[in-house]
Amino acid sequence: MPSFLPHQLLRQHITGPGCQRLGLNLGLFMLGLSVASVLGLSLLVTPCYSYEPTFDKEEEENISVYDKAAKAVVTINCLVDGQPSSGSGVLLDASGLIVTSSHVIGSATVVYVALEDGRKARGTVIGRAGNRTTNAQMGQVSSDLALIKIRLDGDIPYLRLADSSKIRVGQRLLAIGHPYGFERTLTTGIVSRLDVKRDRIQTDAAINPGNSGGPVLDTKGYVLGINQAIYNPENSRSNIGIGFAVPANTVKAFMRDLAHMEGVPPTVASISQKPLIRYRPESDETGYEKVSLILERLANQP
């Protein structure tokens, strides 16, 4: 029988195959504890990061204008010759005066208006001028404007009209509207051309059906004009980068004409030599008795 010294016996026990596996497992276990400890410590000392977007100057202007202007852009719905019609409009006064395109409301005298904050109101048409200008009629001048009055409780957001005589070709602009029902869509572009003969602002900002009646704005949020039409030789209703807006000064002139009309009977009246129609409310309960004063004030904005 072989004899072993105590230290030889100990070496045999700790170097046997089973003990080698135990040592390996113990080493892995200790490594795992170390990794877990390090990870746990890193979780304790590593700060939580939140995403903070950065914007260039142009993006900041776009965001600023949209945040301000979108609240004053309304959705307009009505029935025209028995068919639903919808478009955009823009609030111009805290009393609830809205400008839109005449072709949006057609012959309707009552329309339904929805604001960005969810409030809804029944609006009365107080005046209109002109009709839609089709591709074949681009050589004709038509104001294609209408004014609507609503009453709402609470504050009413609104935008101011610019002096469109100071618009320059090449300046950046923004359009807000409801193309194809996508409410308060923002598109951007430039003033491509000033069509003095047709009294239009031409722009490459995307304008589509549903944008009609909505504003085109400068980078400060002033209303340069009211979206009216697009040019498309194929009549596909899709935007090809040639859109038109009625200038803000034409809107002012339209309101001035309405404000100065005298002796208009309570029923719908047509003014000779002018494609201008004014509607008077049936009673003072609707709150429209001061419309002429409001129109005069807005028309004389600098």
C-alpha atoms as a PDB file:
ATOM      1  CA  MET A   1       0.000   0.000   0.000  1.00  0.00           C
ATOM      2  CA  PRO A   2       1.553   3.317  -1.023  1.00  0.00           C
ATOM      3  CA  SER A   3       2.220   5.850   1.609  1.00  0.00           C
ATOM      4  CA  PHE A   4       1.728   9.638   1.118  1.00  0.00           C
ATOM      5  CA  LEU A   5       3.010  12.474   3.086  1.00  0.00           C
ATOM      6  CA  PRO A   6       0.339  14.886   4.318  1.00  0.00           C
ATOM      7  CA  HIS A   7       1.278  17.611   1.833  1.00  0.00           C
ATOM      8  CA  GLN A   8       1.190  15.083  -1.042  1.00  0.00           C
ATOM      9  CA  LEU A   9      -2.255  13.938  -0.014  1.00  0.00           C
ATOM     10  CA  LEU A  10      -3.497  17.540   0.104  1.00  0.00           C
ATOM     11  CA  ARG A  11      -2.050  18.244  -3.353  1.00  0.00           C
ATOM     12  CA  GLN A  12      -3.840  15.182  -4.720  1.00  0.00           C
ATOM     13  CA  HIS A  13      -7.175  16.339  -3.328  1.00  0.00           C
ATOM     14  CA  ILE A  14      -6.964  19.843  -4.695  1.00  0.00           C
ATOM     15  CA  THR A  15      -5.589  18.881  -8.101  1.00  0.00           C
ATOM     16  CA  GLY A  16      -7.937  16.057  -8.939  1.00  0.00           C
ATOM     17  CA  PRO A  17     -10.343  16.339 -11.895  1.00  0.00           C
ATOM     18  CA  GLY A  18     -13.394  17.009  -9.752  1.00  0.00           C
ATOM     19  CA  CYS A  19     -11.674  19.730  -7.828  1.00  0.00           C
ATOM     20  CA  GLN A  20     -10.478  21.344 -11.057  1.00  0.00           C
ATOM     21  CA  ARG A  21     -14.083  21.642 -12.237  1.00  0.00           C
ATOM     22  CA  LEU A  22     -15.118  23.029  -8.882  1.00  0.00           C
ATOM     23  CA  GLY A  23     -12.376  25.610  -9.090  1.00  0.00           C
ATOM     24  CA  LEU A  24     -13.432  26.640 -12.578  1.00  0.00           C
ATOM     25  CA  ASN A  25     -17.070  27.015 -11.537  1.00  0.00           C
ATOM     26  CA  LEU A  26     -16.037  28.960  -8.463  1.00  0.00           C
ATOM     27  CA  GLY A  27     -13.901  31.236 -10.629  1.00  0.00           C
ATOM     28  CA  LEU A  28     -16.773  31.891 -13.028  1.00  0.00           C
ATOM     29  CA  PHE A  29     -19.089  32.566 -10.114  1.00  0.00           C
ATOM     30  CA  MET A  30     -16.686  35.097  -8.665  1.00  0.00           C
ATOM     31  CA  LEU A  31     -16.281  36.714 -12.083  1.00  0.00           C
ATOM     32  CA  GLY A  32     -20.051  36.973 -12.395  1.00  0.00           C
ATOM     33  CA  LEU A  33     -20.259  38.651  -9.010  1.00  0.00           C
ATOM     34  CA  SER A  34     -17.601  41.105 -10.058  1.00  0.00           C
ATOM     35  CA  VAL A  35     -19.357  41.980 -13.330  1.00  0.00           C
ATOM     36  CA  ALA A  36     -22.695  42.340 -11.583  1.00  0.00           C
ATOM     37  CA  SER A  37     -21.092  44.556  -8.996  1.00  0.00           C
ATOM     38  CA  VAL A  38     -19.543  46.750 -11.652  1.00  0.00           C
ATOM     39  CA  LEU A  39     -22.812  46.960 -13.602  1.00  0.00           C
ATOM     40  CA  GLY A  40     -24.754  47.740 -10.473  1.00  0.00           C
ATOM     41  CA  LEU A  41     -22.317  50.448  -9.563  1.00  0.00           C
ATOM     42  CA  SER A  42     -22.481  51.907 -13.082  1.00  0.00           C
ATOM     43  CA  LEU A  43     -26.269  51.989 -12.892  1.00  0.00           C
ATOM     44  CA  LEU A  44     -25.986  53.920  -9.678  1.00  0.00           C
ATOM     45  CA  VAL A  45     -23.496  56.475 -10.939  1.00  0.00           C
ATOM     46  CA  THR A  46     -24.529  56.807 -14.619  1.00  0.00           C
ATOM     47  CA  PRO A  47     -27.017  59.716 -15.062  1.00  0.00           C
ATOM     48  CA  CYS A  48     -30.247  59.244 -17.028  1.00  0.00           C
ATOM     49  CA  TYR A  49     -30.192  61.037 -20.387  1.00  0.00           C
ATOM     50  CA  SER A  50     -33.278  62.535 -22.084  1.00  0.00           C
ATOM     51  CA  TYR A  51     -33.469  63.406 -25.770  1.00  0.00           C
ATOM     52  CA  GLU A  52     -33.266  67.136 -26.392  1.00  0.00           C
ATOM     53  CA  PRO A  53     -33.739  68.065 -30.062  1.00  0.00           C
ATOM     54  CA  THR A  54     -31.832  70.959 -31.558  1.00  0.00           C
ATOM     55  CA  PHE A  55     -33.198  73.194 -34.276  1.00  0.00           C
ATOM     56  CA  ASP A  56     -31.610  75.596 -36.684  1.00  0.00           C
ATOM     57  CA  LYS A  57     -32.926  79.131 -37.103  1.00  0.00           C
ATOM     58  CA  GLU A  58     -35.308  78.257 -39.929  1.00  0.00           C
ATOM     59  CA  GLU A  59     -36.780  75.324 -38.023  1.00  0.00           C
ATOM     60  CA  GLU A  60     -37.257  77.470 -34.934  1.00  0.00           C
ATOM     61  CA  GLU A  61     -39.137  80.044 -37.020  1.00  0.00           C
ATOM     62  CA  ASN A  62     -41.344  77.352 -38.549  1.00  0.00           C
ATOM     63  CA  ILE A  63     -42.181  75.919 -35.140  1.00  0.00           C
ATOM     64  CA  SER A  64     -42.837  79.345 -33.629  1.00  0.00           C
ATOM     65  CA  VAL A  65     -45.159  80.429 -36.440  1.00  0.00           C
ATOM     66  CA  TYR A  66     -47.046  77.143 -36.429  1.00  0.00           C
ATOM     67  CA  ASP A  67     -47.551  77.119 -32.652  1.00  0.00           C
ATOM     68  CA  LYS A  68     -49.040  80.591 -32.866  1.00  0.00           C
ATOM     69  CA  ALA A  69     -50.960  80.436 -36.134  1.00  0.00           C
ATOM     70  CA  ALA A  70     -52.474  76.948 -36.060  1.00  0.00           C
ATOM     71  CA  LYS A  71     -54.757  77.981 -33.197  1.00  0.00           C
ATOM     72  CA  ALA A  72     -56.365  80.619 -35.433  1.00  0.00           C
ATOM     73  CA  VAL A  73     -56.863  78.383 -38.491  1.00  0.00           C
ATOM     74  CA  VAL A  74     -60.349  76.887 -38.529  1.00  0.00           C
ATOM     75  CA  THR A  75     -62.094  74.091 -40.381  1.00  0.00           C
ATOM     76  CA  ILE A  76     -65.188  75.100 -42.339  1.00  0.00           C
ATOM     77  CA  ASN A  77     -67.937  72.678 -43.364  1.00  0.00           C
ATOM     78  CA  CYS A  78     -71.212  73.379 -45.131  1.00  0.00           C
ATOM     79  CA  LEU A  79     -73.599  72.148 -47.794  1.00  0.00           C
ATOM     80  CA  VAL A  80     -73.333  73.668 -51.262  1.00  0.00           C
ATOM     81  CA  ASP A  81     -76.110  72.711 -53.648  1.00  0.00           C
ATOM     82  CA  GLY A  82     -76.820  69.690 -51.496  1.00  0.00           C
ATOM     83  CA  GLN A  83     -73.214  68.494 -51.539  1.00  0.00           C
ATOM     84  CA  PRO A  84     -70.765  68.672 -48.626  1.00  0.00           C
ATOM     85  CA  SER A  85     -68.013  71.240 -48.959  1.00  0.00           C
ATOM     86  CA  SER A  86     -65.089  71.836 -46.630  1.00  0.00           C
ATOM     87  CA  GLY A  87     -62.061  74.044 -46.462  1.00  0.00           C
ATOM     88  CA  SER A  88     -60.041  76.307 -44.233  1.00  0.00           C
ATOM     89  CA  GLY A  89     -60.444  79.748 -42.765  1.00  0.00           C
ATOM     90  CA  VAL A  90     -58.515  82.118 -40.541  1.00  0.00           C
ATOM     91  CA  LEU A  91     -59.723  84.138 -37.566  1.00  0.00           C
ATOM     92  CA  LEU A  92     -58.893  87.835 -37.921  1.00  0.00           C
ATOM     93  CA  ASP A  93     -60.436  89.277 -34.792  1.00  0.00           C
ATOM     94  CA  ALA A  94     -61.179  88.350 -31.183  1.00  0.00           C
ATOM     95  CA  SER A  95     -64.881  88.898 -31.912  1.00  0.00           C
ATOM     96  CA  GLY A  96     -64.936  85.828 -34.181  1.00  0.00           C
ATOM     97  CA  LEU A  97     -64.575  87.244 -37.687  1.00  0.00           C
ATOM     98  CA  ILE A  98     -63.263  84.685 -40.192  1.00  0.00           C
ATOM     99  CA  VAL A  99     -62.044  85.106 -43.753  1.00  0.00           C
ATOM    100  CA  THR A 100     -62.126  82.202 -46.199  1.00  0.00           C
ATOM    101  CA  SER A 101     -62.514  81.553 -49.920  1.00  0.00           C
ATOM    102  CA  SER A 102     -65.885  82.197 -51.499  1.00  0.00           C
ATOM    103  CA  HIS A 103     -65.767  78.908 -53.391  1.00  0.00           C
ATOM    104  CA  VAL A 104     -65.465  76.986 -50.109  1.00  0.00           C
ATOM    105  CA  ILE A 105     -68.914  78.074 -48.929  1.00  0.00           C
ATOM    106  CA  GLY A 106     -70.598  78.503 -52.316  1.00  0.00           C
ATOM    107  CA  SER A 107     -74.164  79.743 -51.860  1.00  0.00           C
ATOM    108  CA  ALA A 108     -74.438  78.653 -48.229  1.00  0.00           C
ATOM    109  CA  THR A 109     -75.485  81.284 -45.707  1.00  0.00           C
ATOM    110  CA  VAL A 110     -74.828  79.104 -42.652  1.00  0.00           C
ATOM    111  CA  VAL A 111     -71.612  77.173 -42.101  1.00  0.00           C
ATOM    112  CA  TYR A 112     -70.087  75.116 -39.307  1.00  0.00           C
ATOM    113  CA  VAL A 113     -66.721  76.069 -37.888  1.00  0.00           C
ATOM    114  CA  ALA A 114     -64.308  74.041 -35.753  1.00  0.00           C
ATOM    115  CA  LEU A 115     -61.337  75.499 -33.882  1.00  0.00           C
ATOM    116  CA  GLU A 116     -58.044  73.830 -33.047  1.00  0.00           C
ATOM    117  CA  ASP A 117     -58.986  73.536 -29.368  1.00  0.00           C
ATOM    118  CA  GLY A 118     -62.098  71.504 -30.181  1.00  0.00           C
ATOM    119  CA  ARG A 119     -64.672  74.273 -29.879  1.00  0.00           C
ATOM    120  CA  LYS A 120     -67.341  74.389 -32.570  1.00  0.00           C
ATOM    121  CA  ALA A 121     -69.704  77.114 -33.673  1.00  0.00           C
ATOM    122  CA  ARG A 122     -72.402  77.856 -36.176  1.00  0.00           C
ATOM    123  CA  GLY A 123     -71.269  80.704 -38.384  1.00  0.00           C
ATOM    124  CA  THR A 124     -73.202  83.213 -40.453  1.00  0.00           C
ATOM    125  CA  VAL A 125     -71.878  84.437 -43.787  1.00  0.00           C
ATOM    126  CA  ILE A 126     -71.799  88.240 -43.725  1.00  0.00           C
ATOM    127  CA  GLY A 127     -70.285  88.854 -47.139  1.00  0.00           C
ATOM    128  CA  ARG A 128     -68.715  87.309 -50.187  1.00  0.00           C
ATOM    129  CA  ALA A 129     -67.058  88.367 -53.426  1.00  0.00           C
ATOM    130  CA  GLY A 130     -66.138  86.403 -56.531  1.00  0.00           C
ATOM    131  CA  ASN A 131     -65.848  82.697 -57.232  1.00  0.00           C
ATOM    132  CA  ARG A 132     -63.201  80.074 -57.750  1.00  0.00           C
ATOM    133  CA  THR A 133     -60.804  80.796 -60.602  1.00  0.00           C
ATOM    134  CA  THR A 134     -60.196  77.665 -62.670  1.00  0.00           C
ATOM    135  CA  ASN A 135     -57.099  76.871 -64.698  1.00  0.00           C
ATOM    136  CA  ALA A 136     -58.812  78.096 -67.853  1.00  0.00           C
ATOM    137  CA  GLN A 137     -59.711  81.369 -66.130  1.00  0.00           C
ATOM    138  CA  MET A 138     -56.331  82.264 -64.657  1.00  0.00           C
ATOM    139  CA  GLY A 139     -56.347  85.412 -66.772  1.00  0.00           C
ATOM    140  CA  GLN A 140     -59.465  86.676 -64.993  1.00  0.00           C
ATOM    141  CA  VAL A 141     -59.410  88.591 -61.730  1.00  0.00           C
ATOM    142  CA  SER A 142     -61.667  87.254 -58.986  1.00  0.00           C
ATOM    143  CA  SER A 143     -61.428  88.112 -55.292  1.00  0.00           C
ATOM    144  CA  ASP A 144     -62.877  84.743 -54.238  1.00  0.00           C
ATOM    145  CA  LEU A 145     -63.319  85.889 -50.637  1.00  0.00           C
ATOM    146  CA  ALA A 146     -65.956  85.439 -47.981  1.00  0.00           C
ATOM    147  CA  LEU A 147     -66.404  86.615 -44.394  1.00  0.00           C
ATOM    148  CA  ILE A 148     -68.021  84.584 -41.638  1.00  0.00           C
ATOM    149  CA  LYS A 149     -68.962  85.586 -38.098  1.00  0.00           C
ATOM    150  CA  ILE A 150     -69.106  83.227 -35.136  1.00  0.00           C
ATOM    151  CA  ARG A 151     -69.800  83.680 -31.429  1.00  0.00           C
ATOM    152  CA  LEU A 152     -67.902  81.723 -28.810  1.00  0.00           C
ATOM    153  CA  ASP A 153     -67.347  81.933 -25.086  1.00  0.00           C
ATOM    154  CA  GLY A 154     -63.789  82.439 -23.964  1.00  0.00           C
ATOM    155  CA  ASP A 155     -60.780  83.834 -25.741  1.00  0.00           C
ATOM    156  CA  ILE A 156     -60.663  83.562 -29.512  1.00  0.00           C
ATOM    157  CA  PRO A 157     -57.214  83.340 -31.129  1.00  0.00           C
ATOM    158  CA  TYR A 158     -56.628  85.423 -34.237  1.00  0.00           C
ATOM    159  CA  LEU A 159     -53.950  86.578 -36.664  1.00  0.00           C
ATOM    160  CA  ARG A 160     -53.141  89.971 -38.134  1.00  0.00           C
ATOM    161  CA  LEU A 161     -53.076  90.871 -41.801  1.00  0.00           C
ATOM    162  CA  ALA A 162     -49.768  91.971 -43.282  1.00  0.00           C
ATOM    163  CA  ASP A 163     -49.196  94.832 -45.708  1.00  0.00           C
ATOM    164  CA  SER A 164     -48.938  92.723 -48.847  1.00  0.00           C
ATOM    165  CA  SER A 165     -47.538  95.637 -50.861  1.00  0.00           C
ATOM    166  CA  LYS A 166     -44.226  94.935 -49.107  1.00  0.00           C
ATOM    167  CA  ILE A 167     -43.997  91.279 -50.125  1.00  0.00           C
ATOM    168  CA  ARG A 168     -40.838  90.398 -52.046  1.00  0.00           C
ATOM    169  CA  VAL A 169     -40.235  87.548 -54.481  1.00  0.00           C
ATOM    170  CA  GLY A 170     -37.953  85.046 -52.813  1.00  0.00           C
ATOM    171  CA  GLN A 171     -39.131  85.610 -49.237  1.00  0.00           C
ATOM    172  CA  ARG A 172     -40.046  82.520 -47.279  1.00  0.00           C
ATOM    173  CA  LEU A 173     -43.651  81.778 -46.421  1.00  0.00           C
ATOM    174  CA  LEU A 174     -45.696  79.110 -44.659  1.00  0.00           C
ATOM    175  CA  ALA A 175     -49.129  77.736 -45.499  1.00  0.00           C
ATOM    176  CA  ILE A 176     -51.528  76.138 -43.019  1.00  0.00           C
ATOM    177  CA  GLY A 177     -54.753  74.399 -43.939  1.00  0.00           C
ATOM    178  CA  HIS A 178     -56.656  71.155 -44.143  1.00  0.00           C
ATOM    179  CA  PRO A 179     -55.595  69.422 -47.399  1.00  0.00           C
ATOM    180  CA  TYR A 180     -57.757  66.370 -48.045  1.00  0.00           C
ATOM    181  CA  GLY A 181     -59.018  66.634 -44.454  1.00  0.00           C
ATOM    182  CA  PHE A 182     -55.570  66.467 -42.798  1.00  0.00           C
ATOM    183  CA  GLU A 183     -56.226  69.264 -40.334  1.00  0.00           C
ATOM    184  CA  ARG A 184     -53.748  72.102 -39.830  1.00  0.00           C
ATOM    185  CA  THR A 185     -51.067  70.777 -42.117  1.00  0.00           C
ATOM    186  CA  LEU A 186     -48.007  73.006 -42.418  1.00  0.00           C
ATOM    187  CA  THR A 187     -46.122  73.407 -45.686  1.00  0.00           C
ATOM    188  CA  THR A 188     -43.371  75.843 -46.532  1.00  0.00           C
ATOM    189  CA  GLY A 189     -42.060  77.553 -49.621  1.00  0.00           C
ATOM    190  CA  ILE A 190     -41.244  80.941 -51.045  1.00  0.00           C
ATOM    191  CA  VAL A 191     -42.989  83.733 -52.876  1.00  0.00           C
ATOM    192  CA  SER A 192     -42.344  82.543 -56.421  1.00  0.00           C
ATOM    193  CA  ARG A 193     -43.904  85.470 -58.232  1.00  0.00           C
ATOM    194  CA  LEU A 194     -46.152  88.471 -57.681  1.00  0.00           C
ATOM    195  CA  ASP A 195     -48.885  88.454 -60.299  1.00  0.00           C
ATOM    196  CA  VAL A 196     -49.989  92.074 -60.287  1.00  0.00           C
ATOM    197  CA  LYS A 197     -52.337  91.648 -63.263  1.00  0.00           C
ATOM    198  CA  ARG A 198     -54.294  88.868 -61.607  1.00  0.00           C
ATOM    199  CA  ASP A 199     -53.781  90.211 -58.080  1.00  0.00           C
ATOM    200  CA  ARG A 200     -52.257  86.987 -56.785  1.00  0.00           C
ATOM    201  CA  ILE A 201     -49.277  85.783 -54.788  1.00  0.00           C
ATOM    202  CA  GLN A 202     -47.713  82.786 -56.492  1.00  0.00           C
ATOM    203  CA  THR A 203     -45.947  80.234 -54.292  1.00  0.00           C
ATOM    204  CA  ASP A 204     -44.332  76.817 -54.497  1.00  0.00           C
ATOM    205  CA  ALA A 205     -45.577  75.853 -51.012  1.00  0.00           C
ATOM    206  CA  ALA A 206     -47.711  72.727 -51.312  1.00  0.00           C
ATOM    207  CA  ILE A 207     -51.380  73.729 -51.555  1.00  0.00           C
ATOM    208  CA  ASN A 208     -54.035  71.099 -52.188  1.00  0.00           C
ATOM    209  CA  PRO A 209     -57.833  70.781 -52.039  1.00  0.00           C
ATOM    210  CA  GLY A 210     -58.812  71.686 -48.490  1.00  0.00           C
ATOM    211  CA  ASN A 211     -56.167  74.403 -48.186  1.00  0.00           C
ATOM    212  CA  SER A 212     -58.509  76.921 -49.798  1.00  0.00           C
ATOM    213  CA  GLY A 213     -59.382  79.732 -47.396  1.00  0.00           C
ATOM    214  CA  GLY A 214     -56.378  79.109 -45.152  1.00  0.00           C
ATOM    215  CA  PRO A 215     -53.537  81.568 -44.665  1.00  0.00           C
ATOM    216  CA  VAL A 216     -50.106  81.945 -46.161  1.00  0.00           C
ATOM    217  CA  LEU A 217     -47.906  83.523 -43.522  1.00  0.00           C
ATOM    218  CA  ASP A 218     -44.583  85.272 -43.202  1.00  0.00           C
ATOM    219  CA  THR A 219     -41.968  84.138 -40.704  1.00  0.00           C
ATOM    220  CA  LYS A 220     -43.457  86.415 -38.027  1.00  0.00           C
ATOM    221  CA  GLY A 221     -46.924  84.916 -38.326  1.00  0.00           C
ATOM    222  CA  TYR A 222     -48.596  87.743 -40.257  1.00  0.00           C
ATOM    223  CA  VAL A 223     -51.146  86.754 -42.912  1.00  0.00           C
ATOM    224  CA  LEU A 224     -49.698  87.542 -46.346  1.00  0.00           C
ATOM    225  CA  GLY A 225     -52.692  86.162 -48.204  1.00  0.00           C
ATOM    226  CA  ILE A 226     -55.489  83.604 -48.408  1.00  0.00           C
ATOM    227  CA  ASN A 227     -54.891  80.335 -50.257  1.00  0.00           C
ATOM    228  CA  GLN A 228     -57.136  80.149 -53.262  1.00  0.00           C
ATOM    229  CA  ALA A 229     -56.120  77.855 -56.109  1.00  0.00           C
ATOM    230  CA  ILE A 230     -53.472  75.689 -57.697  1.00  0.00           C
ATOM    231  CA  TYR A 231     -52.478  75.491 -61.328  1.00  0.00           C
ATOM    232  CA  ASN A 232     -52.381  72.045 -62.863  1.00  0.00           C
ATOM    233  CA  PRO A 233     -52.651  71.683 -66.634  1.00  0.00           C
ATOM    234  CA  GLU A 234     -53.640  68.019 -66.277  1.00  0.00           C
ATOM    235  CA  ASN A 235     -56.520  68.850 -63.920  1.00  0.00           C
ATOM    236  CA  SER A 236     -55.422  66.097 -61.538  1.00  0.00           C
ATOM    237  CA  ARG A 237     -56.115  68.260 -58.439  1.00  0.00           C
ATOM    238  CA  SER A 238     -52.595  67.529 -57.220  1.00  0.00           C
ATOM    239  CA  ASN A 239     -50.030  70.182 -56.392  1.00  0.00           C
ATOM    240  CA  ILE A 240     -47.194  70.721 -58.861  1.00  0.00           C
ATOM    241  CA  GLY A 241     -45.631  73.669 -57.100  1.00  0.00           C
ATOM    242  CA  ILE A 242     -47.725  76.458 -58.594  1.00  0.00           C
ATOM    243  CA  GLY A 243     -50.218  77.787 -56.083  1.00  0.00           C
ATOM    244  CA  PHE A 244     -51.977  81.131 -55.696  1.00  0.00           C
ATOM    245  CA  ALA A 245     -53.165  83.224 -52.789  1.00  0.00           C
ATOM    246  CA  VAL A 246     -55.272  86.388 -52.606  1.00  0.00           C
ATOM    247  CA  PRO A 247     -53.091  89.175 -51.122  1.00  0.00           C
ATOM    248  CA  ALA A 248     -53.837  90.532 -47.644  1.00  0.00           C
ATOM    249  CA  ASN A 249     -54.429  94.051 -48.965  1.00  0.00           C
ATOM    250  CA  THR A 250     -57.189  92.705 -51.226  1.00  0.00           C
ATOM    251  CA  VAL A 251     -58.782  91.171 -48.129  1.00  0.00           C
ATOM    252  CA  LYS A 252     -58.623  94.588 -46.450  1.00  0.00           C
ATOM    253  CA  ALA A 253     -60.227  96.245 -49.482  1.00  0.00           C
ATOM    254  CA  PHE A 254     -62.989  93.643 -49.446  1.00  0.00           C
ATOM    255  CA  MET A 255     -63.719  94.333 -45.780  1.00  0.00           C
ATOM    256  CA  ARG A 256     -63.633  98.070 -46.387  1.00  0.00           C
ATOM    257  CA  ASP A 257     -66.227  97.728 -49.146  1.00  0.00           C
ATOM    258  CA  LEU A 258     -68.481  95.738 -46.843  1.00  0.00           C
ATOM    259  CA  ALA A 259     -68.071  98.233 -44.016  1.00  0.00           C
ATOM    260  CA  HIS A 260     -69.024 101.191 -46.200  1.00  0.00           C
ATOM    261  CA  MET A 261     -72.117  99.700 -47.762  1.00  0.00           C
ATOM    262  CA  GLU A 262     -75.211 101.758 -46.953  1.00  0.00           C
ATOM    263  CA  GLY A 263     -78.887 101.002 -47.147  1.00  0.00           C
ATOM    264  CA  VAL A 264     -78.581  97.273 -47.659  1.00  0.00           C
ATOM    265  CA  PRO A 265     -81.943  95.612 -46.972  1.00  0.00           C
ATOM    266  CA  PRO A 266     -82.143  92.753 -44.462  1.00  0.00           C
ATOM    267  CA  THR A 267     -82.332  90.253 -47.304  1.00  0.00           C
ATOM    268  CA  VAL A 268     -79.395  89.303 -49.479  1.00  0.00           C
ATOM    269  CA  ALA A 269     -78.474  92.239 -51.702  1.00  0.00           C
ATOM    270  CA  SER A 270     -76.244  92.529 -54.719  1.00  0.00           C
ATOM    271  CA  ILE A 271     -74.283  95.715 -55.269  1.00  0.00           C
ATOM    272  CA  SER A 272     -74.339  96.937 -58.824  1.00  0.00           C
ATOM    273  CA  GLN A 273     -71.043  96.954 -60.708  1.00  0.00           C
ATOM    274  CA  LYS A 274     -69.435  94.837 -57.976  1.00  0.00           C
ATOM    275  CA  PRO A 275     -69.426  91.054 -57.471  1.00  0.00           C
ATOM    276  CA  LEU A 276     -70.104  91.797 -53.819  1.00  0.00           C
ATOM    277  CA  ILE A 277     -72.867  90.404 -51.652  1.00  0.00           C
ATOM    278  CA  ARG A 278     -73.574  91.260 -48.044  1.00  0.00           C
ATOM    279  CA  TYR A 279     -75.757  89.429 -45.576  1.00  0.00           C
ATOM    280  CA  ARG A 280     -77.331  91.082 -42.589  1.00  0.00           C
ATOM    281  CA  PRO A 281     -78.238  89.151 -39.461  1.00  0.00           C
ATOM    282  CA  GLU A 282     -81.922  88.688 -38.745  1.00  0.00           C
ATOM    283  CA  SER A 283     -81.623  89.982 -35.183  1.00  0.00           C
ATOM    284  CA  ASP A 284     -79.180  91.654 -32.849  1.00  0.00           C
ATOM    285  CA  GLU A 285     -79.198  88.536 -30.698  1.00  0.00           C
ATOM    286  CA  THR A 286     -76.545  87.062 -32.961  1.00  0.00           C
ATOM    287  CA  GLY A 287     -74.163  89.824 -31.944  1.00  0.00           C
ATOM    288  CA  TYR A 288     -73.321  91.079 -35.437  1.00  0.00           C
ATOM    289  CA  GLU A 289     -74.601  94.623 -35.000  1.00  0.00           C
ATOM    290  CA  LYS A 290     -71.048  96.017 -34.842  1.00  0.00           C
ATOM    291  CA  VAL A 291     -69.666  94.139 -37.837  1.00  0.00           C
ATOM    292  CA  SER A 292     -69.161  97.299 -39.907  1.00  0.00           C
ATOM    293  CA  LEU A 293     -67.026  98.846 -37.172  1.00  0.00           C
ATOM    294  CA  ILE A 294     -64.958  95.677 -36.893  1.00  0.00           C
ATOM    295  CA  LEU A 295     -64.480  95.527 -40.650  1.00  0.00           C
ATOM    296  CA  GLU A 296     -63.442  99.159 -40.787  1.00  0.00           C
ATOM    297  CA  ARG A 297     -60.864  98.652 -38.057  1.00  0.00           C
ATOM    298  CA  LEU A 298     -59.410  95.513 -39.654  1.00  0.00           C
ATOM    299  CA  ALA A 299     -59.355  97.077 -43.106  1.00  0.00           C
ATOM    300  CA  ASN A 300     -57.260  99.961 -41.777  1.00  0.00           C
ATOM    301  CA  GLN A 301     -54.553  97.827 -40.204  1.00  0.00           C
ATOM    302  CA  PRO A 302     -51.107  99.198 -41.118  1.00  0.00           C
END
